[in-house]
Amino acid sequence: MKKELALELNRYLANIGVSYVKLHNLHWNIVGKDFKAVHEYLETLYDGFAGVLDSVAELLKMSDCTPAASMKEYLELASIQELASKKIKTTEALAIVLADIEILKSQAENIRKAAALDDEYAIVSAMEDDLKEYSKTIWFLNAMSK
């Protein structure tokens, strides 16, 4: 794997890691009339992110690269920002998650394109799986926000 692709995968891994923690924060701290539905939905999202985190790390390990594995590294590499612990309305939480998922989708698209150019088919396949989930999540979040 080329060094640039490994760095992009680590940036993606960092964004997944920050998002995983951020989704827990939102899950625990949301308030509002749609609390139960949004609370439960956020849990399904962070549960899914645990698998993505592991699969991206494994892609790096399979190419003899070291995955970022600490919050310090994640925060240094991530473009997705963490969120302070505070009460947050369900509508605002959904908007935050949507914006973050759109960042992840764009990042996965770019990684997929770069991996295809380098004949890194395992990475291409993994990003296609992630892109399918991001598209579905964006659809759900848009529908929930109406």
Foldseek 3Di string as FASTA:
>chain_A
DDPVLLLLLLQLLLLLVLLLVQLVLCLVAEDDPCNVVLNVVSVVVSVVSVVLNVLSQVLQVVVVHHHDDDNVSSVVRYPQDHDDRHHDYSLVVLVSVLVSLVVSLVSLVVSLVVCVVVVVVSSVVSSVVSNVVSVVSNVVSVVVND
